[in-house]
Structure formats: structure tokens, C-alpha cells
C-alpha atoms as a PDB file:
ATOM      1  CA  MET A   1      18.428 -40.443 -19.701  1.00  0.00           C
ATOM      2  CA  LYS A   2      21.665 -41.596 -18.001  1.00  0.00           C
ATOM      3  CA  LYS A   3      22.536 -43.670 -21.050  1.00  0.00           C
ATOM      4  CA  ARG A   4      22.194 -40.619 -23.307  1.00  0.00           C
ATOM      5  CA  LEU A   5      24.429 -38.559 -21.006  1.00  0.00           C
ATOM      6  CA  ARG A   6      27.136 -41.249 -21.021  1.00  0.00           C
ATOM      7  CA  GLU A   7      26.992 -41.464 -24.804  1.00  0.00           C
ATOM      8  CA  THR A   8      27.253 -37.677 -25.112  1.00  0.00           C
ATOM      9  CA  GLY A   9      30.226 -37.618 -22.721  1.00  0.00           C
ATOM     10  CA  GLN A  10      32.032 -40.286 -24.725  1.00  0.00           C
ATOM     11  CA  ARG A  11      31.486 -38.332 -27.950  1.00  0.00           C
ATOM     12  CA  LEU A  12      32.881 -35.143 -26.370  1.00  0.00           C
ATOM     13  CA  ARG A  13      35.991 -36.987 -25.107  1.00  0.00           C
ATOM     14  CA  VAL A  14      36.589 -38.455 -28.552  1.00  0.00           C
ATOM     15  CA  LEU A  15      36.131 -35.014 -30.133  1.00  0.00           C
ATOM     16  CA  ALA A  16      38.493 -33.350 -27.614  1.00  0.00           C
ATOM     17  CA  SER A  17      41.203 -35.927 -28.242  1.00  0.00           C
ATOM     18  CA  SER A  18      41.083 -35.382 -32.003  1.00  0.00           C
ATOM     19  CA  THR A  19      43.278 -32.842 -33.802  1.00  0.00           C
ATOM     20  CA  ARG A  20      40.272 -30.687 -34.613  1.00  0.00           C
ATOM     21  CA  GLY A  21      39.061 -30.796 -31.038  1.00  0.00           C
ATOM     22  CA  ARG A  22      42.460 -29.731 -29.677  1.00  0.00           C
ATOM     23  CA  ASN A  23      42.474 -26.795 -32.084  1.00  0.00           C
ATOM     24  CA  VAL A  24      39.025 -25.677 -30.916  1.00  0.00           C
ATOM     25  CA  CYS A  25      40.073 -25.883 -27.252  1.00  0.00           C
ATOM     26  CA  THR A  26      43.236 -23.882 -27.939  1.00  0.00           C
ATOM     27  CA  PHE A  27      41.170 -21.213 -29.729  1.00  0.00           C
ATOM     28  CA  LEU A  28      38.725 -20.944 -26.816  1.00  0.00           C
ATOM     29  CA  VAL A  29      41.584 -20.563 -24.298  1.00  0.00           C
ATOM     30  CA  PHE A  30      43.142 -17.724 -26.326  1.00  0.00           C
ATOM     31  CA  LEU A  31      39.686 -16.118 -26.709  1.00  0.00           C
ATOM     32  CA  VAL A  32      39.163 -16.055 -22.928  1.00  0.00           C
ATOM     33  CA  VAL A  33      42.660 -14.654 -22.326  1.00  0.00           C
ATOM     34  CA  ALA A  34      42.088 -11.947 -24.957  1.00  0.00           C
ATOM     35  CA  ALA A  35      38.755 -10.990 -23.369  1.00  0.00           C
ATOM     36  CA  ILE A  36      40.386 -10.667 -19.941  1.00  0.00           C
ATOM     37  CA  PHE A  37      43.242  -8.607 -21.371  1.00  0.00           C
ATOM     38  CA  TRP A  38      40.796  -6.322 -23.212  1.00  0.00           C
ATOM     39  CA  ASN A  39      38.801  -5.713 -20.018  1.00  0.00           C
ATOM     40  CA  VAL A  40      41.979  -4.881 -18.065  1.00  0.00           C
ATOM     41  CA  VAL A  41      43.030  -2.357 -20.727  1.00  0.00           C
ATOM     42  CA  ALA A  42      39.522  -0.881 -20.904  1.00  0.00           C
ATOM     43  CA  LEU A  43      39.344  -0.457 -17.142  1.00  0.00           C
ATOM     44  CA  ASN A  44      42.519   1.640 -17.234  1.00  0.00           C
ATOM     45  CA  ASP A  45      40.819   4.097 -19.587  1.00  0.00           C
ATOM     46  CA  GLU A  46      38.631   6.910 -18.290  1.00  0.00           C
ATOM     47  CA  MET A  47      34.903   6.197 -18.173  1.00  0.00           C
ATOM     48  CA  GLN A  48      31.805   8.184 -17.294  1.00  0.00           C
ATOM     49  CA  GLN A  49      29.056   6.647 -15.217  1.00  0.00           C
ATOM     50  CA  GLU A  50      25.888   7.686 -13.394  1.00  0.00           C
ATOM     51  CA  PHE A  51      25.379   6.780  -9.737  1.00  0.00           C
ATOM     52  CA  GLU A  52      22.481   7.143  -7.294  1.00  0.00           C
ATOM     53  CA  VAL A  53      24.306   7.970  -4.073  1.00  0.00           C
ATOM     54  CA  PRO A  54      22.412   7.461  -0.768  1.00  0.00           C
ATOM     55  CA  LEU A  55      22.198  10.728   1.185  1.00  0.00           C
ATOM     56  CA  GLU A  56      21.841  11.167   4.952  1.00  0.00           C
ATOM     57  CA  LEU A  57      21.708  14.314   7.099  1.00  0.00           C
ATOM     58  CA  VAL A  58      23.342  13.712  10.483  1.00  0.00           C
ATOM     59  CA  GLY A  59      23.766  15.657  13.693  1.00  0.00           C
ATOM     60  CA  VAL A  60      20.425  17.493  13.604  1.00  0.00           C
ATOM     61  CA  PRO A  61      19.504  18.820  17.095  1.00  0.00           C
ATOM     62  CA  ALA A  62      16.527  17.157  18.768  1.00  0.00           C
ATOM     63  CA  ASP A  63      14.554  20.436  18.973  1.00  0.00           C
ATOM     64  CA  ILE A  64      14.566  20.918  15.175  1.00  0.00           C
ATOM     65  CA  VAL A  65      11.950  19.273  12.959  1.00  0.00           C
ATOM     66  CA  LEU A  66      12.562  19.485   9.230  1.00  0.00           C
ATOM     67  CA  ILE A  67       9.433  20.397   7.275  1.00  0.00           C
ATOM     68  CA  SER A  68      11.005  19.206   4.005  1.00  0.00           C
ATOM     69  CA  LEU A  69      13.336  16.223   4.149  1.00  0.00           C
ATOM     70  CA  PRO A  70      16.469  16.001   1.995  1.00  0.00           C
ATOM     71  CA  PRO A  71      16.269  13.594  -0.979  1.00  0.00           C
ATOM     72  CA  SER A  72      17.096   9.991  -0.164  1.00  0.00           C
ATOM     73  CA  THR A  73      19.589   9.822  -3.052  1.00  0.00           C
ATOM     74  CA  VAL A  74      21.659  12.177  -5.189  1.00  0.00           C
ATOM     75  CA  SER A  75      22.194  11.573  -8.923  1.00  0.00           C
ATOM     76  CA  VAL A  76      25.894  12.001  -9.713  1.00  0.00           C
ATOM     77  CA  SER A  77      27.688  11.799 -13.067  1.00  0.00           C
ATOM     78  CA  VAL A  78      31.325  10.791 -12.474  1.00  0.00           C
ATOM     79  CA  ARG A  79      34.290  10.479 -14.810  1.00  0.00           C
ATOM     80  CA  ASP A  80      37.255   8.411 -13.627  1.00  0.00           C
ATOM     81  CA  LYS A  81      39.327   5.356 -14.474  1.00  0.00           C
ATOM     82  CA  GLY A  82      37.294   2.190 -14.897  1.00  0.00           C
ATOM     83  CA  THR A  83      39.232   0.506 -12.104  1.00  0.00           C
ATOM     84  CA  SER A  84      38.208   3.273  -9.712  1.00  0.00           C
ATOM     85  CA  LEU A  85      34.541   3.213 -10.738  1.00  0.00           C
ATOM     86  CA  LEU A  86      34.370  -0.576 -10.626  1.00  0.00           C
ATOM     87  CA  ARG A  87      34.207  -0.637  -6.829  1.00  0.00           C
ATOM     88  CA  TYR A  88      31.059   1.535  -6.900  1.00  0.00           C
ATOM     89  CA  SER A  89      29.373  -0.572  -9.578  1.00  0.00           C
ATOM     90  CA  PHE A  90      29.099  -3.726  -7.481  1.00  0.00           C
ATOM     91  CA  GLY A  91      27.412  -3.929  -4.116  1.00  0.00           C
ATOM     92  CA  GLU A  92      25.831  -1.083  -2.203  1.00  0.00           C
ATOM     93  CA  LEU A  93      27.208   2.431  -2.463  1.00  0.00           C
ATOM     94  CA  PRO A  94      28.364   3.959   0.834  1.00  0.00           C
ATOM     95  CA  VAL A  95      26.166   6.700   2.280  1.00  0.00           C
ATOM     96  CA  LEU A  96      27.039  10.348   1.636  1.00  0.00           C
ATOM     97  CA  LYS A  97      26.641  11.889   5.115  1.00  0.00           C
ATOM     98  CA  ILE A  98      26.100  15.651   5.333  1.00  0.00           C
ATOM     99  CA  GLN A  99      26.649  17.224   8.753  1.00  0.00           C
ATOM    100  CA  TYR A 100      24.110  19.655  10.246  1.00  0.00           C
ATOM    101  CA  LYS A 101      26.958  21.955  11.330  1.00  0.00           C
ATOM    102  CA  ASP A 102      27.952  22.449   7.680  1.00  0.00           C
ATOM    103  CA  PHE A 103      24.611  24.124   6.827  1.00  0.00           C
ATOM    104  CA  VAL A 104      23.862  27.847   6.936  1.00  0.00           C
ATOM    105  CA  ASN A 105      20.991  28.396   9.380  1.00  0.00           C
ATOM    106  CA  ASN A 106      18.984  31.590   8.788  1.00  0.00           C
ATOM    107  CA  GLY A 107      16.335  30.815  11.403  1.00  0.00           C
ATOM    108  CA  ARG A 108      13.844  29.390   8.896  1.00  0.00           C
ATOM    109  CA  LYS A 109      15.919  27.193   6.589  1.00  0.00           C
ATOM    110  CA  LEU A 110      19.022  25.067   6.580  1.00  0.00           C
ATOM    111  CA  SER A 111      20.885  25.928   3.384  1.00  0.00           C
ATOM    112  CA  MET A 112      23.862  24.450   1.583  1.00  0.00           C
ATOM    113  CA  GLY A 113      24.886  26.153  -1.661  1.00  0.00           C
ATOM    114  CA  GLU A 114      26.043  24.538  -4.882  1.00  0.00           C
ATOM    115  CA  THR A 115      29.756  25.057  -4.286  1.00  0.00           C
ATOM    116  CA  GLN A 116      29.734  23.440  -0.855  1.00  0.00           C
ATOM    117  CA  PHE A 117      27.362  20.578  -1.705  1.00  0.00           C
ATOM    118  CA  VAL A 118      29.058  19.607  -4.992  1.00  0.00           C
ATOM    119  CA  GLY A 119      32.388  19.817  -3.138  1.00  0.00           C
ATOM    120  CA  ALA A 120      31.108  17.286  -0.607  1.00  0.00           C
ATOM    121  CA  VAL A 121      30.101  14.983  -3.464  1.00  0.00           C
ATOM    122  CA  ARG A 122      33.567  15.308  -5.080  1.00  0.00           C
ATOM    123  CA  SER A 123      35.215  14.427  -1.774  1.00  0.00           C
ATOM    124  CA  PHE A 124      32.988  11.374  -1.589  1.00  0.00           C
ATOM    125  CA  PHE A 125      34.419  10.000  -4.884  1.00  0.00           C
ATOM    126  CA  GLY A 126      38.032  11.029  -4.239  1.00  0.00           C
ATOM    127  CA  GLN A 127      40.485  13.463  -5.778  1.00  0.00           C
ATOM    128  CA  GLY A 128      41.033  11.526  -9.006  1.00  0.00           C
ATOM    129  CA  ALA A 129      37.340  11.645  -9.961  1.00  0.00           C
ATOM    130  CA  SER A 130      35.769  14.359 -12.078  1.00  0.00           C
ATOM    131  CA  VAL A 131      32.155  15.127 -11.129  1.00  0.00           C
ATOM    132  CA  SER A 132      30.337  16.602 -14.123  1.00  0.00           C
ATOM    133  CA  GLY A 133      26.779  16.681 -12.781  1.00  0.00           C
ATOM    134  CA  VAL A 134      24.936  16.565  -9.450  1.00  0.00           C
ATOM    135  CA  LYS A 135      21.135  16.572  -9.007  1.00  0.00           C
ATOM    136  CA  PRO A 136      20.112  18.247  -6.824  1.00  0.00           C
ATOM    137  CA  ASP A 137      23.147  20.520  -6.728  1.00  0.00           C
ATOM    138  CA  SER A 138      22.186  22.318  -3.470  1.00  0.00           C
ATOM    139  CA  LEU A 139      19.998  21.855  -0.396  1.00  0.00           C
ATOM    140  CA  SER A 140      17.392  24.151   1.163  1.00  0.00           C
ATOM    141  CA  LEU A 141      15.429  22.615   4.032  1.00  0.00           C
ATOM    142  CA  PRO A 142      12.761  24.598   5.933  1.00  0.00           C
ATOM    143  CA  TYR A 143      12.418  23.651   9.599  1.00  0.00           C
ATOM    144  CA  THR A 144      10.519  24.532  12.749  1.00  0.00           C
ATOM    145  CA  LYS A 145      11.023  24.429  16.493  1.00  0.00           C
ATOM    146  CA  HIS A 146       7.285  24.677  17.196  1.00  0.00           C
ATOM    147  CA  GLN A 147       5.545  21.852  18.985  1.00  0.00           C
ATOM    148  CA  GLY A 148       3.477  19.706  16.658  1.00  0.00           C
ATOM    149  CA  VAL A 149      -0.337  19.680  16.834  1.00  0.00           C
ATOM    150  CA  VAL A 150      -2.134  16.363  17.320  1.00  0.00           C
ATOM    151  CA  LYS A 151      -4.724  15.530  14.639  1.00  0.00           C
ATOM    152  CA  HIS A 152      -6.924  12.504  14.105  1.00  0.00           C
ATOM    153  CA  ILE A 153      -6.447  10.199  11.127  1.00  0.00           C
ATOM    154  CA  LYS A 154      -9.190   9.680   8.553  1.00  0.00           C
ATOM    155  CA  VAL A 155      -8.834   6.567   6.387  1.00  0.00           C
ATOM    156  CA  VAL A 156      -9.804   7.095   2.746  1.00  0.00           C
ATOM    157  CA  SER A 157     -10.628   3.822   1.023  1.00  0.00           C
ATOM    158  CA  ASP A 158     -12.048   2.080  -2.011  1.00  0.00           C
ATOM    159  CA  VAL A 159     -12.206  -1.559  -0.930  1.00  0.00           C
ATOM    160  CA  THR A 160     -14.192  -4.446  -2.390  1.00  0.00           C
ATOM    161  CA  THR A 161     -14.311  -8.129  -1.515  1.00  0.00           C
ATOM    162  CA  ALA A 162     -14.735 -11.331  -3.451  1.00  0.00           C
ATOM    163  CA  PRO A 163     -18.276 -12.782  -3.667  1.00  0.00           C
ATOM    164  CA  GLN A 164     -19.511 -14.325  -0.401  1.00  0.00           C
ATOM    165  CA  TYR A 165     -17.244 -11.986   1.624  1.00  0.00           C
ATOM    166  CA  ILE A 166     -17.827  -8.594   3.238  1.00  0.00           C
ATOM    167  CA  VAL A 167     -15.869  -5.749   4.847  1.00  0.00           C
ATOM    168  CA  SER A 168     -17.179  -6.371   8.346  1.00  0.00           C
ATOM    169  CA  GLY A 169     -16.343  -3.044   9.968  1.00  0.00           C
ATOM    170  CA  PRO A 170     -14.557   0.278   9.622  1.00  0.00           C
ATOM    171  CA  LEU A 171     -10.961   0.362   8.417  1.00  0.00           C
ATOM    172  CA  VAL A 172      -8.869   0.756  11.556  1.00  0.00           C
ATOM    173  CA  PRO A 173      -5.493   2.597  11.651  1.00  0.00           C
ATOM    174  CA  ALA A 174      -2.884   1.240  14.082  1.00  0.00           C
ATOM    175  CA  THR A 175      -2.775   4.688  15.696  1.00  0.00           C
ATOM    176  CA  ASP A 176      -5.681   7.123  15.490  1.00  0.00           C
ATOM    177  CA  THR A 177      -3.651  10.348  15.799  1.00  0.00           C
ATOM    178  CA  VAL A 178      -0.515  11.930  14.321  1.00  0.00           C
ATOM    179  CA  ARG A 179       1.459  15.065  15.021  1.00  0.00           C
ATOM    180  CA  VAL A 180       1.499  17.860  12.422  1.00  0.00           C
ATOM    181  CA  TYR A 181       4.389  20.351  12.186  1.00  0.00           C
ATOM    182  CA  SER A 182       4.451  23.703  10.436  1.00  0.00           C
ATOM    183  CA  GLN A 183       6.420  26.961  10.484  1.00  0.00           C
ATOM    184  CA  ARG A 184       3.133  28.849  10.889  1.00  0.00           C
ATOM    185  CA  ALA A 185       0.056  28.297  13.013  1.00  0.00           C
ATOM    186  CA  ILE A 186      -1.994  25.360  11.748  1.00  0.00           C
ATOM    187  CA  PRO A 187      -5.484  26.536  10.608  1.00  0.00           C
ATOM    188  CA  ARG A 188      -8.466  25.293  12.606  1.00  0.00           C
ATOM    189  CA  SER A 189     -10.020  24.168   9.341  1.00  0.00           C
ATOM    190  CA  ILE A 190      -7.551  21.259   9.313  1.00  0.00           C
ATOM    191  CA  THR A 191      -9.475  18.950  11.626  1.00  0.00           C
ATOM    192  CA  HIS A 192      -7.897  15.677  10.532  1.00  0.00           C
ATOM    193  CA  ILE A 193      -5.206  14.134   8.345  1.00  0.00           C
ATOM    194  CA  GLU A 194      -6.300  11.836   5.532  1.00  0.00           C
ATOM    195  CA  THR A 195      -4.524   8.766   4.260  1.00  0.00           C
ATOM    196  CA  GLU A 196      -3.775   8.158   0.634  1.00  0.00           C
ATOM    197  CA  PRO A 197      -6.632   6.037  -0.795  1.00  0.00           C
ATOM    198  CA  VAL A 198      -6.518   2.410   0.335  1.00  0.00           C
ATOM    199  CA  THR A 199      -7.503   0.685  -2.919  1.00  0.00           C
ATOM    200  CA  LEU A 200      -7.994  -3.081  -2.677  1.00  0.00           C
ATOM    201  CA  SER A 201     -10.235  -5.536  -4.491  1.00  0.00           C
ATOM    202  CA  ALA A 202     -11.367  -9.178  -4.346  1.00  0.00           C
ATOM    203  CA  LEU A 203     -10.372  -9.554  -0.683  1.00  0.00           C
ATOM    204  CA  THR A 204     -11.042 -12.893   1.008  1.00  0.00           C
ATOM    205  CA  ASP A 205      -9.350 -12.309   4.362  1.00  0.00           C
ATOM    206  CA  THR A 206      -8.552  -9.554   6.840  1.00  0.00           C
ATOM    207  CA  THR A 207      -5.701  -7.509   5.342  1.00  0.00           C
ATOM    208  CA  GLU A 208      -3.155  -5.090   6.800  1.00  0.00           C
ATOM    209  CA  VAL A 209      -1.543  -2.440   4.583  1.00  0.00           C
ATOM    210  CA  GLU A 210       0.977   0.359   5.135  1.00  0.00           C
ATOM    211  CA  VAL A 211      -0.388   3.624   3.738  1.00  0.00           C
ATOM    212  CA  ARG A 212       1.070   7.125   3.498  1.00  0.00           C
ATOM    213  CA  LEU A 213      -0.554  10.098   5.192  1.00  0.00           C
ATOM    214  CA  VAL A 214      -1.260  13.200   3.091  1.00  0.00           C
ATOM    215  CA  ALA A 215       0.458  16.210   4.661  1.00  0.00           C
ATOM    216  CA  PRO A 216      -1.103  19.640   3.956  1.00  0.00           C
ATOM    217  CA  ASP A 217       1.046  22.004   1.879  1.00  0.00           C
ATOM    218  CA  GLY A 218       3.988  23.405   3.828  1.00  0.00           C
ATOM    219  CA  MET A 219       3.518  20.945   6.692  1.00  0.00           C
ATOM    220  CA  ARG A 220       4.985  17.646   7.829  1.00  0.00           C
ATOM    221  CA  VAL A 221       3.168  14.726   9.426  1.00  0.00           C
ATOM    222  CA  ILE A 222       4.945  12.395  11.865  1.00  0.00           C
ATOM    223  CA  PRO A 223       4.765   9.459  11.480  1.00  0.00           C
ATOM    224  CA  PRO A 224       4.440   9.726   7.677  1.00  0.00           C
ATOM    225  CA  THR A 225       2.739   6.346   7.310  1.00  0.00           C
ATOM    226  CA  VAL A 226       0.290   4.228   9.259  1.00  0.00           C
ATOM    227  CA  LYS A 227      -0.782   0.598   9.174  1.00  0.00           C
ATOM    228  CA  VAL A 228      -4.446   0.132   8.335  1.00  0.00           C
ATOM    229  CA  THR A 229      -6.414  -3.057   9.010  1.00  0.00           C
ATOM    230  CA  VAL A 230      -9.228  -3.999   6.627  1.00  0.00           C
ATOM    231  CA  PRO A 231     -11.523  -6.483   8.464  1.00  0.00           C
ATOM    232  CA  VAL A 232     -12.969  -9.082   6.076  1.00  0.00           C
ATOM    233  CA  GLU A 233     -15.334 -11.928   6.917  1.00  0.00           C
ATOM    234  CA  ALA A 234     -16.952 -14.767   5.038  1.00  0.00           C
ATOM    235  CA  LEU A 235     -20.731 -14.589   4.545  1.00  0.00           C
ATOM    236  CA  ILE A 236     -22.867 -17.581   5.510  1.00  0.00           C
ATOM    237  CA  ALA A 237     -26.347 -18.317   4.144  1.00  0.00           C
ATOM    238  CA  LYS A 238     -29.082 -18.320   6.759  1.00  0.00           C
ATOM    239  CA  LYS A 239     -32.878 -18.691   6.900  1.00  0.00           C
ATOM    240  CA  ARG A 240     -35.342 -17.853   9.653  1.00  0.00           C
ATOM    241  CA  GLU A 241     -39.063 -17.411  10.249  1.00  0.00           C
ATOM    242  CA  ILE A 242     -40.332 -13.850  10.746  1.00  0.00           C
ATOM    243  CA  PRO A 243     -43.829 -12.650  11.731  1.00  0.00           C
ATOM    244  CA  ILE A 244     -46.310 -11.030   9.349  1.00  0.00           C
ATOM    245  CA  GLU A 245     -47.809  -7.695  10.380  1.00  0.00           C
ATOM    246  CA  VAL A 246     -50.948  -6.514   8.539  1.00  0.00           C
ATOM    247  CA  ARG A 247     -51.538  -2.764   8.312  1.00  0.00           C
ATOM    248  CA  LYS A 248     -54.579  -0.649   7.323  1.00  0.00           C
ATOM    249  CA  VAL A 249     -56.997  -3.119   8.919  1.00  0.00           C
ATOM    250  CA  PRO A 250     -60.611  -1.729   9.248  1.00  0.00           C
ATOM    251  CA  ALA A 251     -61.609  -0.674  12.769  1.00  0.00           C
ATOM    252  CA  GLY A 252     -63.182  -3.467  14.816  1.00  0.00           C
ATOM    253  CA  HIS A 253     -61.633  -6.168  12.672  1.00  0.00           C
ATOM    254  CA  ARG A 254     -58.539  -8.268  12.611  1.00  0.00           C
ATOM    255  CA  VAL A 255     -56.770 -10.123   9.842  1.00  0.00           C
ATOM    256  CA  ILE A 256     -55.500 -13.668  10.217  1.00  0.00           C
ATOM    257  CA  THR A 257     -52.921 -14.718   7.612  1.00  0.00           C
ATOM    258  CA  PHE A 258     -52.194 -18.236   6.437  1.00  0.00           C
ATOM    259  CA  PRO A 259     -49.421 -18.890   7.365  1.00  0.00           C
ATOM    260  CA  SER A 260     -48.774 -16.450  10.222  1.00  0.00           C
ATOM    261  CA  THR A 261     -45.028 -16.362   9.548  1.00  0.00           C
ATOM    262  CA  VAL A 262     -42.869 -16.468   6.434  1.00  0.00           C
ATOM    263  CA  GLU A 263     -39.283 -17.476   5.769  1.00  0.00           C
ATOM    264  CA  ILE A 264     -36.531 -14.989   4.978  1.00  0.00           C
ATOM    265  CA  SER A 265     -33.207 -15.895   3.354  1.00  0.00           C
ATOM    266  CA  TYR A 266     -30.029 -13.811   3.630  1.00  0.00           C
ATOM    267  CA  LEU A 267     -26.268 -13.850   4.072  1.00  0.00           C
ATOM    268  CA  VAL A 268     -24.713 -12.866   7.384  1.00  0.00           C
ATOM    269  CA  PRO A 269     -21.074 -12.511   8.586  1.00  0.00           C
ATOM    270  CA  MET A 270     -19.748 -15.591  10.344  1.00  0.00           C
ATOM    271  CA  SER A 271     -19.088 -13.691  13.591  1.00  0.00           C
ATOM    272  CA  VAL A 272     -22.764 -12.803  14.111  1.00  0.00           C
ATOM    273  CA  TYR A 273     -24.341 -16.024  12.815  1.00  0.00           C
ATOM    274  CA  ASN A 274     -25.188 -17.323  16.311  1.00  0.00           C
ATOM    275  CA  ASN A 275     -26.030 -13.880  17.737  1.00  0.00           C
ATOM    276  CA  ASP A 276     -28.615 -12.848  15.171  1.00  0.00           C
ATOM    277  CA  ASN A 277     -31.366 -11.306  17.324  1.00  0.00           C
ATOM    278  CA  HIS A 278     -32.473  -8.489  15.052  1.00  0.00           C
ATOM    279  CA  VAL A 279     -36.206  -7.824  14.812  1.00  0.00           C
ATOM    280  CA  VAL A 280     -37.307  -8.180  11.178  1.00  0.00           C
ATOM    281  CA  LYS A 281     -40.936  -8.302   9.931  1.00  0.00           C
ATOM    282  CA  ALA A 282     -42.896  -8.919   6.765  1.00  0.00           C
ATOM    283  CA  TYR A 283     -45.567  -6.258   6.131  1.00  0.00           C
ATOM    284  CA  ALA A 284     -48.876  -6.605   4.307  1.00  0.00           C
ATOM    285  CA  ASP A 285     -51.399  -3.808   3.575  1.00  0.00           C
ATOM    286  CA  TYR A 286     -55.031  -4.970   3.800  1.00  0.00           C
ATOM    287  CA  ARG A 287     -57.062  -4.597   0.585  1.00  0.00           C
ATOM    288  CA  LYS A 288     -60.678  -5.730   0.564  1.00  0.00           C
ATOM    289  CA  SER A 289     -60.722  -6.802  -3.066  1.00  0.00           C
ATOM    290  CA  ALA A 290     -57.478  -8.803  -2.913  1.00  0.00           C
ATOM    291  CA  ASN A 291     -57.555 -12.589  -2.843  1.00  0.00           C
ATOM    292  CA  LYS A 292     -54.103 -12.600  -1.274  1.00  0.00           C
ATOM    293  CA  LEU A 293     -52.050 -10.060   0.627  1.00  0.00           C
ATOM    294  CA  ALA A 294     -48.753  -9.044  -0.995  1.00  0.00           C
ATOM    295  CA  LEU A 295     -45.774  -9.056   1.369  1.00  0.00           C
ATOM    296  CA  SER A 296     -42.901  -6.629   1.686  1.00  0.00           C
ATOM    297  CA  LEU A 297     -39.834  -6.794   3.884  1.00  0.00           C
ATOM    298  CA  SER A 298     -39.156  -4.320   6.659  1.00  0.00           C
ATOM    299  CA  ALA A 299     -35.816  -2.546   6.903  1.00  0.00           C
ATOM    300  CA  VAL A 300     -33.032  -5.036   7.586  1.00  0.00           C
ATOM    301  CA  PRO A 301     -29.797  -4.552   9.596  1.00  0.00           C
ATOM    302  CA  ASP A 302     -26.530  -3.644   7.901  1.00  0.00           C
ATOM    303  CA  ASP A 303     -25.262  -7.132   8.767  1.00  0.00           C
ATOM    304  CA  TYR A 304     -27.698  -8.695   6.294  1.00  0.00           C
ATOM    305  CA  THR A 305     -26.760  -9.111   2.632  1.00  0.00           C
ATOM    306  CA  GLY A 306     -29.179 -10.068  -0.131  1.00  0.00           C
ATOM    307  CA  ALA A 307     -32.187 -10.490   2.190  1.00  0.00           C
ATOM    308  CA  VAL A 308     -35.313 -11.773   0.374  1.00  0.00           C
ATOM    309  CA  LEU A 309     -38.692 -13.187   1.371  1.00  0.00           C
ATOM    310  CA  LEU A 310     -39.233 -16.747   0.171  1.00  0.00           C
ATOM    311  CA  THR A 311     -43.013 -16.079  -0.079  1.00  0.00           C
ATOM    312  CA  ASP A 312     -44.382 -13.024  -1.870  1.00  0.00           C
ATOM    313  CA  SER A 313     -48.038 -13.256  -0.726  1.00  0.00           C
ATOM    314  CA  VAL A 314     -50.282 -15.043   1.779  1.00  0.00           C
ATOM    315  CA  GLU A 315     -53.964 -15.917   2.089  1.00  0.00           C
ATOM    316  CA  TYR A 316     -55.954 -14.215   4.818  1.00  0.00           C
ATOM    317  CA  LEU A 317     -59.209 -14.145   6.740  1.00  0.00           C
ATOM    318  CA  LEU A 318     -60.940 -10.950   7.958  1.00  0.00           C
ATOM    319  CA  GLU A 319     -63.001 -11.345  11.112  1.00  0.00           C
ATOM    320  CA  HIS A 320     -64.712  -9.139  13.696  1.00  0.00           C
ATOM    321  CA  LYS A 321     -63.068  -8.781  17.051  1.00  0.00           C
END
């Protein structure tokens, strides 16, 4: 590889020292200079460009809670010299800060009309710029001074795990309550605030996600998001012996099964593997004409997955007590 590079370098030096090579190098130098000159001329011409300007409302009193927040950015179409627009095209745009004192407050809304808001945007870009479009072109923000009402959070989810894993408990939000704000009294029918659906699949480990809360119409929820923990555990195969209980035995008799216990196989979360004390039985209904008694499994705990009996029937003996 090094040999090839050396050979290539030698060929390039020979080519550059030739008459043809010097001509090519001279052409490339003039091409670069022409490109730079063209860009300088172009930047002195007027250009039109779209910008997404960050917007921030500042100076809001502590006793005011906005029900609707202002947009995070404003779309602005600006016409100006290329040299002036160039500084906005690279790096982060500065924040357009709108002062609370500049709004009209009618007791229910903070309002800023088109003339005043577009004027603030023009000032942001300077006197030489021509602003031909602003979206939105005005602001109208409802607010309240009422104390928020505390409501519990309900996690909405559609979560599945990979094979041999299980969601081992309820999905737990980092905080179980939020505060709800409204200009009117909050109806009693709103008993909780739901999250947006937590949709995850093929999980193999406990997962934490940030999820938005769904605010009822005309209301605001603070905080707007909550962290939700999805507990996931590996499933471990386990077997154990369980007793057989025979039902519908004739009066004055008893049934002895062979064997007296059967084996059950199931999967269980790792955390409860050594603390598995659940009572589980195999049932059999006595039938006089049967050579063997068929077995069925009793109800099993929620911790068990895929529980099956490893024997489906047993022999028996009926005797008088």
C-alpha cells in the first residue's frame, strides 16, 4: 500500500512539473479566484430567505399562568443583502424576546396585534431588512390567576416484551400528581390526567421514557411531561411438585392416586424465583368407569407464565374409609 502511494506521488510531481500540468494548476487557481469573486458579488445583491426565529416571552408576573403558550419559533421571510443575511445562516439564531409589559391585558388574554408584533420582528433583523411575511403575525394568550387543581396521573400504555421477558409490574410515573390550570372551574368529571400512549415493543430491560400529559381542552397541565418507568424482568423456567386433589368422591370412600403428586412446569420472573410459595393444585374428578383420572390445573398466580402439567392423567384406587 505504501509503495503504491509513493508511486502515485511521484507521478503527480512529474505531471505538475510538466507544461500541461502547470497549465492545469493555473486554470484551477483562476477558477477558485473566480468562484470567490462571484460569491462576493452575489452576497452584495439582495436575497430573500426564510428563518425560524426562536421566540421567548419574558417578564411574566409569578401570579399569572398562561393557558396557551406562545409558539417556540416564528417563521419569518426576510429580504436583505446577502452579507447581512449570512450571519443568520450559520450558527444559532438569537432569541426574539417579547416583553410582558408590551402586551395588552384585558383580564383574560394577553394580546399583541399584527402591527406591534411584526414591528418587533423587523427590529430584530435591523432597519435595512425588509420583512415580507411573519407566521404567526400576532399573539393572543389566555391566562389565569386561579390556583391549579391537583389531579392524579393515569399511564396509558401498549407495551410488549421480547420472548422470555415480562412487564413485572405497573408502569410507574416519577410523580403521581400534576396541577391543572383553567380559566373556569375544573369539572368534577375530570378525575385524572392521562399520558399519551406509551408504545414500546420487544423490551428486554427496565426502560424509562419521557411522555407528554394530555391536557383537557382549554386547560394547561404543569408539568407537561412525566418520566415513566416500565419494569421488565427476565423469565426463568421452573418445575415443582404439586398435590393432586380428587373431587366428587362417593360418600364413605377415598381415592388414592398413583402418584400422589405431579410436576408442573412454568416460567417465573427472576425476582420471585426463590420466594415462590403460591398454593397450586392439580384437580381430578372421580369417574367410576374411568381407568385413569384426567388432571386439570387450578388457577395459577399472575407471576406464572405458560404453566402446564407434565402429566395429564393418573391411576387411582378407590377404597372404603
